Amino acid sequence: MNAFSRWRQRKAADAAETGSFRLVSSLLTRSARTFLSRFGTATSPLKLALLLSLVWTLPLHADQLEWFTDIEAAQAKARNENKVVMLNFTGSDWCPWCKKLKAEVFDQPEFAEFAKSRLVATEVDFPHNKPLAPAQRQVNEKLVQVLQIKGFPTVVLLDPSGRPMGETGYLPGGPGPFIQALQRIVAGRQASAAPTAPPDPPEPPRKPPVFVPIAPAAPLRYNQLALKAISGPKNHRMAMINNENFYAGDTAKVKLLDERIEIFCKEVREDSVLITANGKPMELKLSKASGNN
């Protein structure tokens, strides 16, 4: 093969690689093209393979909604940026309506665009199969009690100071109807907070009241283990023993008189719980006065 033939083959190979580069570049996002302009035109199979890998590794959406699980961090951000906290009470891996709300609203670019300048999105999750840290689960359960959540999904709005503004749930129709529901909650709260009459003139100063200190309440003491309540569905019941909450499989220290004993919860039944206390098996019955939630 003469030198002219070898030159023509090399030019043809370079043209094929350049054509492949243009095809790859047309598929990339704007951020990828910026990178490619700095990287230079691919002139070898190794560089071309690197470019192809970028197509699959670059994110499809650069501005997805940020979600918190730490309620204190979410409230701090809301105060600093004067935003509304949106609490999404969900069973992410078992609740069908929760999954529909996520797919049809929260994962949509239209909702992310609306929320990023107005909301601090916070997930309060109660999964069945995904791991959840005990401390996180305890915080989530406390939020359910304080806000009196009755079912999933429930979406609660808190103002920047942490006061509840209102709640909603799954709404069909995608981001539009859901966004309108949130706007109505915020607008209703702002209308109720607006002054309706000029303030009354200040009262004349009064004599300060005499302060009488109140004696501190005696600490609550238990002299025996007692089953206080049972709540939750049949396959995920929670039992309160003295002042501690237990699911089946939980272990915790419970205060009894002046010591703390180790309780292991084996099974939570409809009106009783099977436990071991410092290794000793026993069954605690739910009293009629306590009831079953």
C-alpha atoms as a PDB file:
ATOM      1  CA  MET A   1       0.000   0.000   0.000  1.00  0.00           C
ATOM      2  CA  ASN A   2       1.525   3.338  -1.054  1.00  0.00           C
ATOM      3  CA  ALA A   3       1.662   6.492   1.089  1.00  0.00           C
ATOM      4  CA  PHE A   4      -1.282   8.109  -0.735  1.00  0.00           C
ATOM      5  CA  SER A   5      -3.581   5.135   0.043  1.00  0.00           C
ATOM      6  CA  ARG A   6      -2.594   5.154   3.720  1.00  0.00           C
ATOM      7  CA  TRP A   7      -3.318   8.907   3.861  1.00  0.00           C
ATOM      8  CA  ARG A   8      -6.827   8.397   2.375  1.00  0.00           C
ATOM      9  CA  GLN A   9      -7.630   5.621   4.950  1.00  0.00           C
ATOM     10  CA  ARG A  10      -6.521   7.788   7.843  1.00  0.00           C
ATOM     11  CA  LYS A  11      -8.680  10.691   6.618  1.00  0.00           C
ATOM     12  CA  ALA A  12     -11.709   8.387   6.320  1.00  0.00           C
ATOM     13  CA  ALA A  13     -11.215   7.091   9.891  1.00  0.00           C
ATOM     14  CA  ASP A  14     -10.893  10.650  11.235  1.00  0.00           C
ATOM     15  CA  ALA A  15     -14.104  11.635   9.435  1.00  0.00           C
ATOM     16  CA  ALA A  16     -15.991   8.666  10.931  1.00  0.00           C
ATOM     17  CA  GLU A  17     -14.828   9.530  14.469  1.00  0.00           C
ATOM     18  CA  THR A  18     -15.759  13.202  13.949  1.00  0.00           C
ATOM     19  CA  GLY A  19     -19.244  12.157  12.790  1.00  0.00           C
ATOM     20  CA  SER A  20     -19.664   9.966  15.888  1.00  0.00           C
ATOM     21  CA  PHE A  21     -18.612  12.885  18.056  1.00  0.00           C
ATOM     22  CA  ARG A  22     -21.284  15.127  16.498  1.00  0.00           C
ATOM     23  CA  LEU A  23     -23.964  12.489  17.070  1.00  0.00           C
ATOM     24  CA  VAL A  24     -22.989  12.126  20.738  1.00  0.00           C
ATOM     25  CA  SER A  25     -22.787  15.891  21.225  1.00  0.00           C
ATOM     26  CA  SER A  26     -26.311  16.367  19.870  1.00  0.00           C
ATOM     27  CA  LEU A  27     -27.632  14.059  22.612  1.00  0.00           C
ATOM     28  CA  LEU A  28     -25.957  15.824  25.522  1.00  0.00           C
ATOM     29  CA  THR A  29     -27.323  18.539  27.817  1.00  0.00           C
ATOM     30  CA  ARG A  30     -26.016  22.107  27.680  1.00  0.00           C
ATOM     31  CA  SER A  31     -23.685  21.450  30.638  1.00  0.00           C
ATOM     32  CA  ALA A  32     -22.197  18.453  28.824  1.00  0.00           C
ATOM     33  CA  ARG A  33     -21.579  20.497  25.679  1.00  0.00           C
ATOM     34  CA  THR A  34     -19.714  23.102  27.754  1.00  0.00           C
ATOM     35  CA  PHE A  35     -17.493  20.308  29.073  1.00  0.00           C
ATOM     36  CA  LEU A  36     -16.938  18.940  25.547  1.00  0.00           C
ATOM     37  CA  SER A  37     -15.903  22.361  24.231  1.00  0.00           C
ATOM     38  CA  ARG A  38     -13.129  22.345  26.827  1.00  0.00           C
ATOM     39  CA  PHE A  39     -12.305  18.672  26.305  1.00  0.00           C
ATOM     40  CA  GLY A  40     -11.804  18.998  22.542  1.00  0.00           C
ATOM     41  CA  THR A  41     -12.931  16.872  19.587  1.00  0.00           C
ATOM     42  CA  ALA A  42     -12.533  13.130  20.120  1.00  0.00           C
ATOM     43  CA  THR A  43      -9.707  11.726  17.965  1.00  0.00           C
ATOM     44  CA  SER A  44      -9.369   8.254  19.514  1.00  0.00           C
ATOM     45  CA  PRO A  45     -11.635   5.330  20.502  1.00  0.00           C
ATOM     46  CA  LEU A  46     -10.718   5.890  24.168  1.00  0.00           C
ATOM     47  CA  LYS A  47     -11.930   9.506  24.122  1.00  0.00           C
ATOM     48  CA  LEU A  48     -15.068   8.513  22.224  1.00  0.00           C
ATOM     49  CA  ALA A  49     -15.893   5.851  24.857  1.00  0.00           C
ATOM     50  CA  LEU A  50     -15.473   8.464  27.607  1.00  0.00           C
ATOM     51  CA  LEU A  51     -17.902  10.796  25.818  1.00  0.00           C
ATOM     52  CA  LEU A  52     -20.466   8.019  25.403  1.00  0.00           C
ATOM     53  CA  SER A  53     -20.281   7.269  29.139  1.00  0.00           C
ATOM     54  CA  LEU A  54     -21.095  10.924  29.881  1.00  0.00           C
ATOM     55  CA  VAL A  55     -24.422  10.576  28.063  1.00  0.00           C
ATOM     56  CA  TRP A  56     -25.609   8.070  30.649  1.00  0.00           C
ATOM     57  CA  THR A  57     -24.045   9.588  33.780  1.00  0.00           C
ATOM     58  CA  LEU A  58     -25.090  13.254  33.452  1.00  0.00           C
ATOM     59  CA  PRO A  59     -28.313  14.153  35.357  1.00  0.00           C
ATOM     60  CA  LEU A  60     -31.453  14.674  33.293  1.00  0.00           C
ATOM     61  CA  HIS A  61     -32.802  17.467  35.576  1.00  0.00           C
ATOM     62  CA  ALA A  62     -30.424  19.897  37.231  1.00  0.00           C
ATOM     63  CA  ASP A  63     -33.015  21.611  39.436  1.00  0.00           C
ATOM     64  CA  GLN A  64     -34.926  18.823  41.197  1.00  0.00           C
ATOM     65  CA  LEU A  65     -36.660  19.644  44.483  1.00  0.00           C
ATOM     66  CA  GLU A  66     -34.549  19.264  47.636  1.00  0.00           C
ATOM     67  CA  TRP A  67     -36.173  17.154  50.397  1.00  0.00           C
ATOM     68  CA  PHE A  68     -35.378  17.291  54.109  1.00  0.00           C
ATOM     69  CA  THR A  69     -35.997  14.607  56.738  1.00  0.00           C
ATOM     70  CA  ASP A  70     -34.680  16.696  59.669  1.00  0.00           C
ATOM     71  CA  ILE A  71     -37.597  18.878  60.813  1.00  0.00           C
ATOM     72  CA  GLU A  72     -35.331  21.221  62.814  1.00  0.00           C
ATOM     73  CA  ALA A  73     -33.088  21.850  59.794  1.00  0.00           C
ATOM     74  CA  ALA A  74     -36.179  22.424  57.633  1.00  0.00           C
ATOM     75  CA  GLN A  75     -37.649  24.961  60.071  1.00  0.00           C
ATOM     76  CA  ALA A  76     -34.308  26.768  60.342  1.00  0.00           C
ATOM     77  CA  LYS A  77     -34.152  27.092  56.551  1.00  0.00           C
ATOM     78  CA  ALA A  78     -37.773  28.305  56.449  1.00  0.00           C
ATOM     79  CA  ARG A  79     -37.058  30.999  59.061  1.00  0.00           C
ATOM     80  CA  ASN A  80     -33.879  32.167  57.318  1.00  0.00           C
ATOM     81  CA  GLU A  81     -35.484  32.300  53.860  1.00  0.00           C
ATOM     82  CA  ASN A  82     -39.058  33.221  54.928  1.00  0.00           C
ATOM     83  CA  LYS A  83     -40.538  30.083  53.351  1.00  0.00           C
ATOM     84  CA  VAL A  84     -43.318  27.661  54.244  1.00  0.00           C
ATOM     85  CA  VAL A  85     -42.455  24.170  55.519  1.00  0.00           C
ATOM     86  CA  MET A  86     -44.319  21.439  53.624  1.00  0.00           C
ATOM     87  CA  LEU A  87     -44.511  18.200  55.670  1.00  0.00           C
ATOM     88  CA  ASN A  88     -45.356  15.122  53.584  1.00  0.00           C
ATOM     89  CA  PHE A  89     -46.589  12.329  55.882  1.00  0.00           C
ATOM     90  CA  THR A  90     -46.153   9.201  53.778  1.00  0.00           C
ATOM     91  CA  GLY A  91     -45.697   5.450  53.703  1.00  0.00           C
ATOM     92  CA  SER A  92     -43.269   5.620  50.807  1.00  0.00           C
ATOM     93  CA  ASP A  93     -42.890   1.891  50.112  1.00  0.00           C
ATOM     94  CA  TRP A  94     -46.412   0.560  50.802  1.00  0.00           C
ATOM     95  CA  CYS A  95     -49.055   3.327  50.473  1.00  0.00           C
ATOM     96  CA  PRO A  96     -50.429   3.427  46.878  1.00  0.00           C
ATOM     97  CA  TRP A  97     -51.835   6.979  47.160  1.00  0.00           C
ATOM     98  CA  CYS A  98     -48.511   8.197  48.565  1.00  0.00           C
ATOM     99  CA  LYS A  99     -46.734   6.733  45.533  1.00  0.00           C
ATOM    100  CA  LYS A 100     -49.225   8.408  43.171  1.00  0.00           C
ATOM    101  CA  LEU A 101     -48.728  11.775  44.901  1.00  0.00           C
ATOM    102  CA  LYS A 102     -44.954  11.469  44.524  1.00  0.00           C
ATOM    103  CA  ALA A 103     -45.052  10.376  40.877  1.00  0.00           C
ATOM    104  CA  GLU A 104     -47.805  12.739  39.700  1.00  0.00           C
ATOM    105  CA  VAL A 105     -46.869  15.854  41.694  1.00  0.00           C
ATOM    106  CA  PHE A 106     -43.607  15.900  43.634  1.00  0.00           C
ATOM    107  CA  ASP A 107     -41.477  14.363  40.844  1.00  0.00           C
ATOM    108  CA  GLN A 108     -42.812  16.767  38.200  1.00  0.00           C
ATOM    109  CA  PRO A 109     -40.700  19.763  37.027  1.00  0.00           C
ATOM    110  CA  GLU A 110     -43.744  22.062  37.260  1.00  0.00           C
ATOM    111  CA  PHE A 111     -44.053  21.429  41.010  1.00  0.00           C
ATOM    112  CA  ALA A 112     -40.289  21.719  41.582  1.00  0.00           C
ATOM    113  CA  GLU A 113     -40.308  25.118  39.853  1.00  0.00           C
ATOM    114  CA  PHE A 114     -43.206  26.287  42.057  1.00  0.00           C
ATOM    115  CA  ALA A 115     -41.795  24.919  45.309  1.00  0.00           C
ATOM    116  CA  LYS A 116     -38.129  25.890  45.146  1.00  0.00           C
ATOM    117  CA  SER A 117     -38.785  29.597  45.875  1.00  0.00           C
ATOM    118  CA  ARG A 118     -41.687  29.077  48.306  1.00  0.00           C
ATOM    119  CA  LEU A 119     -41.455  25.779  50.195  1.00  0.00           C
ATOM    120  CA  VAL A 120     -39.060  23.723  52.301  1.00  0.00           C
ATOM    121  CA  ALA A 121     -40.106  20.175  51.399  1.00  0.00           C
ATOM    122  CA  THR A 122     -39.819  17.705  54.293  1.00  0.00           C
ATOM    123  CA  GLU A 123     -40.609  13.974  54.212  1.00  0.00           C
ATOM    124  CA  VAL A 124     -42.080  12.339  57.323  1.00  0.00           C
ATOM    125  CA  ASP A 125     -41.880   8.694  56.303  1.00  0.00           C
ATOM    126  CA  PHE A 126     -43.299   5.505  57.868  1.00  0.00           C
ATOM    127  CA  PRO A 127     -41.912   2.738  55.632  1.00  0.00           C
ATOM    128  CA  HIS A 128     -42.575  -0.971  56.139  1.00  0.00           C
ATOM    129  CA  ASN A 129     -39.536  -2.372  54.335  1.00  0.00           C
ATOM    130  CA  LYS A 130     -36.969   0.438  54.145  1.00  0.00           C
ATOM    131  CA  PRO A 131     -34.678   0.972  57.176  1.00  0.00           C
ATOM    132  CA  LEU A 132     -35.421   4.016  59.340  1.00  0.00           C
ATOM    133  CA  ALA A 133     -33.198   5.141  62.221  1.00  0.00           C
ATOM    134  CA  PRO A 134     -34.891   4.759  65.639  1.00  0.00           C
ATOM    135  CA  ALA A 135     -34.316   8.440  66.438  1.00  0.00           C
ATOM    136  CA  GLN A 136     -35.913   9.499  63.133  1.00  0.00           C
ATOM    137  CA  ARG A 137     -38.864   7.169  63.708  1.00  0.00           C
ATOM    138  CA  GLN A 138     -39.401   8.641  67.185  1.00  0.00           C
ATOM    139  CA  VAL A 139     -39.423  12.194  65.787  1.00  0.00           C
ATOM    140  CA  ASN A 140     -41.834  11.190  63.002  1.00  0.00           C
ATOM    141  CA  GLU A 141     -44.223   9.537  65.484  1.00  0.00           C
ATOM    142  CA  LYS A 142     -44.134  12.651  67.667  1.00  0.00           C
ATOM    143  CA  LEU A 143     -45.088  14.796  64.668  1.00  0.00           C
ATOM    144  CA  VAL A 144     -48.039  12.481  63.947  1.00  0.00           C
ATOM    145  CA  GLN A 145     -49.258  12.902  67.535  1.00  0.00           C
ATOM    146  CA  VAL A 146     -48.756  16.681  67.694  1.00  0.00           C
ATOM    147  CA  LEU A 147     -50.391  17.386  64.317  1.00  0.00           C
ATOM    148  CA  GLN A 148     -53.069  14.669  64.784  1.00  0.00           C
ATOM    149  CA  ILE A 149     -52.417  12.960  61.458  1.00  0.00           C
ATOM    150  CA  LYS A 150     -55.182  10.440  60.665  1.00  0.00           C
ATOM    151  CA  GLY A 151     -53.985   8.845  57.411  1.00  0.00           C
ATOM    152  CA  PHE A 152     -51.472   8.830  54.564  1.00  0.00           C
ATOM    153  CA  PRO A 153     -50.683  10.759  52.515  1.00  0.00           C
ATOM    154  CA  THR A 154     -51.272  13.971  54.481  1.00  0.00           C
ATOM    155  CA  VAL A 155     -49.480  17.210  53.545  1.00  0.00           C
ATOM    156  CA  VAL A 156     -49.267  19.870  56.277  1.00  0.00           C
ATOM    157  CA  LEU A 157     -48.017  23.436  55.793  1.00  0.00           C
ATOM    158  CA  LEU A 158     -46.211  25.271  58.607  1.00  0.00           C
ATOM    159  CA  ASP A 159     -45.474  28.986  58.521  1.00  0.00           C
ATOM    160  CA  PRO A 160     -41.843  30.170  59.022  1.00  0.00           C
ATOM    161  CA  SER A 161     -42.389  30.237  62.804  1.00  0.00           C
ATOM    162  CA  GLY A 162     -43.588  26.606  62.848  1.00  0.00           C
ATOM    163  CA  ARG A 163     -47.336  27.176  63.291  1.00  0.00           C
ATOM    164  CA  PRO A 164     -49.700  24.913  61.285  1.00  0.00           C
ATOM    165  CA  MET A 165     -51.431  26.699  58.395  1.00  0.00           C
ATOM    166  CA  GLY A 166     -53.554  23.868  56.984  1.00  0.00           C
ATOM    167  CA  GLU A 167     -53.394  20.471  55.336  1.00  0.00           C
ATOM    168  CA  THR A 168     -54.312  18.594  52.172  1.00  0.00           C
ATOM    169  CA  GLY A 169     -53.686  15.194  50.564  1.00  0.00           C
ATOM    170  CA  TYR A 170     -53.610  13.499  47.179  1.00  0.00           C
ATOM    171  CA  LEU A 171     -55.524  15.347  44.462  1.00  0.00           C
ATOM    172  CA  PRO A 172     -55.991  13.961  40.930  1.00  0.00           C
ATOM    173  CA  GLY A 173     -54.876  16.017  37.968  1.00  0.00           C
ATOM    174  CA  GLY A 174     -51.138  16.431  38.549  1.00  0.00           C
ATOM    175  CA  PRO A 175     -49.253  19.469  39.890  1.00  0.00           C
ATOM    176  CA  GLY A 176     -51.865  22.114  38.938  1.00  0.00           C
ATOM    177  CA  PRO A 177     -54.707  21.221  41.360  1.00  0.00           C
ATOM    178  CA  PHE A 178     -52.216  20.413  44.140  1.00  0.00           C
ATOM    179  CA  ILE A 179     -50.430  23.768  43.761  1.00  0.00           C
ATOM    180  CA  GLN A 180     -53.804  25.567  43.848  1.00  0.00           C
ATOM    181  CA  ALA A 181     -54.699  23.760  47.086  1.00  0.00           C
ATOM    182  CA  LEU A 182     -51.426  24.897  48.690  1.00  0.00           C
ATOM    183  CA  GLN A 183     -51.987  28.471  47.516  1.00  0.00           C
ATOM    184  CA  ARG A 184     -55.491  28.488  49.031  1.00  0.00           C
ATOM    185  CA  ILE A 185     -54.093  27.341  52.384  1.00  0.00           C
ATOM    186  CA  VAL A 186     -51.437  30.066  52.406  1.00  0.00           C
ATOM    187  CA  ALA A 187     -53.884  32.749  51.224  1.00  0.00           C
ATOM    188  CA  GLY A 188     -56.445  31.731  53.854  1.00  0.00           C
ATOM    189  CA  ARG A 189     -53.871  31.949  56.622  1.00  0.00           C
ATOM    190  CA  GLN A 190     -52.655  35.346  55.460  1.00  0.00           C
ATOM    191  CA  ALA A 191     -56.248  36.647  55.309  1.00  0.00           C
ATOM    192  CA  SER A 192     -57.006  35.425  58.829  1.00  0.00           C
ATOM    193  CA  ALA A 193     -53.792  36.996  60.124  1.00  0.00           C
ATOM    194  CA  ALA A 194     -54.532  40.408  58.561  1.00  0.00           C
ATOM    195  CA  PRO A 195     -55.760  43.070  61.028  1.00  0.00           C
ATOM    196  CA  THR A 196     -59.471  43.878  60.696  1.00  0.00           C
ATOM    197  CA  ALA A 197     -59.621  46.918  63.006  1.00  0.00           C
ATOM    198  CA  PRO A 198     -57.183  49.486  64.388  1.00  0.00           C
ATOM    199  CA  PRO A 199     -55.596  48.464  67.667  1.00  0.00           C
ATOM    200  CA  ASP A 200     -57.089  49.699  70.936  1.00  0.00           C
ATOM    201  CA  PRO A 201     -55.264  52.489  72.756  1.00  0.00           C
ATOM    202  CA  PRO A 202     -52.794  51.232  75.350  1.00  0.00           C
ATOM    203  CA  GLU A 203     -54.133  50.678  78.869  1.00  0.00           C
ATOM    204  CA  PRO A 204     -52.733  52.709  81.736  1.00  0.00           C
ATOM    205  CA  PRO A 205     -49.920  50.963  83.575  1.00  0.00           C
ATOM    206  CA  ARG A 206     -50.947  48.559  86.298  1.00  0.00           C
ATOM    207  CA  LYS A 207     -49.217  47.510  89.444  1.00  0.00           C
ATOM    208  CA  PRO A 208     -47.132  44.429  88.790  1.00  0.00           C
ATOM    209  CA  PRO A 209     -48.662  41.259  90.260  1.00  0.00           C
ATOM    210  CA  VAL A 210     -47.027  39.572  93.177  1.00  0.00           C
ATOM    211  CA  PHE A 211     -45.095  36.574  91.947  1.00  0.00           C
ATOM    212  CA  VAL A 212     -45.747  33.380  93.867  1.00  0.00           C
ATOM    213  CA  PRO A 213     -43.474  30.564  92.742  1.00  0.00           C
ATOM    214  CA  ILE A 214     -45.147  27.232  92.009  1.00  0.00           C
ATOM    215  CA  ALA A 215     -43.573  24.177  93.536  1.00  0.00           C
ATOM    216  CA  PRO A 216     -42.153  21.819  90.890  1.00  0.00           C
ATOM    217  CA  ALA A 217     -44.248  18.759  90.152  1.00  0.00           C
ATOM    218  CA  ALA A 218     -43.028  15.488  91.584  1.00  0.00           C
ATOM    219  CA  PRO A 219     -41.416  13.272  88.907  1.00  0.00           C
ATOM    220  CA  LEU A 220     -43.617  10.465  87.610  1.00  0.00           C
ATOM    221  CA  ARG A 221     -42.627   7.158  89.224  1.00  0.00           C
ATOM    222  CA  TYR A 222     -43.713   3.679  88.219  1.00  0.00           C
ATOM    223  CA  ASN A 223     -43.627   0.846  90.734  1.00  0.00           C
ATOM    224  CA  GLN A 224     -44.578  -1.833  88.209  1.00  0.00           C
ATOM    225  CA  LEU A 225     -44.653  -2.433  84.463  1.00  0.00           C
ATOM    226  CA  ALA A 226     -47.964  -1.397  82.934  1.00  0.00           C
ATOM    227  CA  LEU A 227     -49.319  -1.566  79.389  1.00  0.00           C
ATOM    228  CA  LYS A 228     -50.800   1.914  78.818  1.00  0.00           C
ATOM    229  CA  ALA A 229     -52.021   1.730  75.211  1.00  0.00           C
ATOM    230  CA  ILE A 230     -51.916  -0.179  71.910  1.00  0.00           C
ATOM    231  CA  SER A 231     -52.285   1.637  68.594  1.00  0.00           C
ATOM    232  CA  GLY A 232     -51.727   1.123  64.882  1.00  0.00           C
ATOM    233  CA  PRO A 233     -52.876  -1.447  62.301  1.00  0.00           C
ATOM    234  CA  LYS A 234     -52.794  -5.182  63.011  1.00  0.00           C
ATOM    235  CA  ASN A 235     -49.530  -5.767  61.151  1.00  0.00           C
ATOM    236  CA  HIS A 236     -47.736  -2.759  62.662  1.00  0.00           C
ATOM    237  CA  ARG A 237     -49.021  -2.223  66.197  1.00  0.00           C
ATOM    238  CA  MET A 238     -47.261  -0.016  68.737  1.00  0.00           C
ATOM    239  CA  ALA A 239     -47.469  -0.574  72.498  1.00  0.00           C
ATOM    240  CA  MET A 240     -46.794   1.988  75.250  1.00  0.00           C
ATOM    241  CA  ILE A 241     -45.245   0.395  78.342  1.00  0.00           C
ATOM    242  CA  ASN A 242     -44.948   2.893  81.202  1.00  0.00           C
ATOM    243  CA  ASN A 243     -43.553   5.910  79.320  1.00  0.00           C
ATOM    244  CA  GLU A 244     -41.871   4.128  76.375  1.00  0.00           C
ATOM    245  CA  ASN A 245     -43.221   3.110  72.943  1.00  0.00           C
ATOM    246  CA  PHE A 246     -42.420  -0.323  71.478  1.00  0.00           C
ATOM    247  CA  TYR A 247     -42.920  -2.125  68.187  1.00  0.00           C
ATOM    248  CA  ALA A 248     -42.383  -5.879  67.960  1.00  0.00           C
ATOM    249  CA  GLY A 249     -38.617  -6.469  68.019  1.00  0.00           C
ATOM    250  CA  ASP A 250     -37.747  -3.264  69.896  1.00  0.00           C
ATOM    251  CA  THR A 251     -35.512  -3.180  72.956  1.00  0.00           C
ATOM    252  CA  ALA A 252     -35.363  -0.238  75.374  1.00  0.00           C
ATOM    253  CA  LYS A 253     -34.722   0.708  78.998  1.00  0.00           C
ATOM    254  CA  VAL A 254     -37.829   1.454  81.056  1.00  0.00           C
ATOM    255  CA  LYS A 255     -37.703   3.278  84.395  1.00  0.00           C
ATOM    256  CA  LEU A 256     -39.128   1.328  87.308  1.00  0.00           C
ATOM    257  CA  LEU A 257     -38.830   2.915  90.780  1.00  0.00           C
ATOM    258  CA  ASP A 258     -35.172   3.995  91.023  1.00  0.00           C
ATOM    259  CA  GLU A 259     -33.730   1.706  88.359  1.00  0.00           C
ATOM    260  CA  ARG A 260     -34.048   1.105  84.632  1.00  0.00           C
ATOM    261  CA  ILE A 261     -34.778  -2.395  83.383  1.00  0.00           C
ATOM    262  CA  GLU A 262     -34.267  -3.714  79.885  1.00  0.00           C
ATOM    263  CA  ILE A 263     -37.481  -4.563  78.008  1.00  0.00           C
ATOM    264  CA  PHE A 264     -37.565  -6.605  74.809  1.00  0.00           C
ATOM    265  CA  CYS A 265     -40.902  -6.549  72.951  1.00  0.00           C
ATOM    266  CA  LYS A 266     -41.594  -9.953  71.347  1.00  0.00           C
ATOM    267  CA  GLU A 267     -45.161  -9.484  70.099  1.00  0.00           C
ATOM    268  CA  VAL A 268     -47.869  -6.800  70.232  1.00  0.00           C
ATOM    269  CA  ARG A 269     -51.335  -8.384  70.318  1.00  0.00           C
ATOM    270  CA  GLU A 270     -54.779  -6.811  70.225  1.00  0.00           C
ATOM    271  CA  ASP A 271     -55.052  -6.334  73.990  1.00  0.00           C
ATOM    272  CA  SER A 272     -51.722  -7.534  75.390  1.00  0.00           C
ATOM    273  CA  VAL A 273     -47.989  -7.604  74.715  1.00  0.00           C
ATOM    274  CA  LEU A 274     -45.394 -10.368  75.162  1.00  0.00           C
ATOM    275  CA  ILE A 275     -42.089  -9.090  76.558  1.00  0.00           C
ATOM    276  CA  THR A 276     -38.996 -10.086  78.456  1.00  0.00           C
ATOM    277  CA  ALA A 277     -37.949  -7.879  81.383  1.00  0.00           C
ATOM    278  CA  ASN A 278     -34.269  -8.306  82.196  1.00  0.00           C
ATOM    279  CA  GLY A 279     -34.517 -11.673  80.445  1.00  0.00           C
ATOM    280  CA  LYS A 280     -37.685 -12.825  82.267  1.00  0.00           C
ATOM    281  CA  PRO A 281     -40.649 -13.530  79.932  1.00  0.00           C
ATOM    282  CA  MET A 282     -44.051 -12.066  80.822  1.00  0.00           C
ATOM    283  CA  GLU A 283     -47.302 -10.863  79.291  1.00  0.00           C
ATOM    284  CA  LEU A 284     -48.764  -7.425  80.031  1.00  0.00           C
ATOM    285  CA  LYS A 285     -52.519  -6.992  79.649  1.00  0.00           C
ATOM    286  CA  LEU A 286     -54.235  -3.790  78.536  1.00  0.00           C
ATOM    287  CA  SER A 287     -56.511  -2.491  81.264  1.00  0.00           C
ATOM    288  CA  LYS A 288     -60.095  -1.567  80.390  1.00  0.00           C
ATOM    289  CA  ALA A 289     -59.471   1.990  81.508  1.00  0.00           C
ATOM    290  CA  SER A 290     -56.587   2.379  79.048  1.00  0.00           C
ATOM    291  CA  GLY A 291     -58.503   1.211  75.960  1.00  0.00           C
ATOM    292  CA  ASN A 292     -57.157   0.337  72.530  1.00  0.00           C
ATOM    293  CA  ASN A 293     -56.421   2.939  69.873  1.00  0.00           C
END
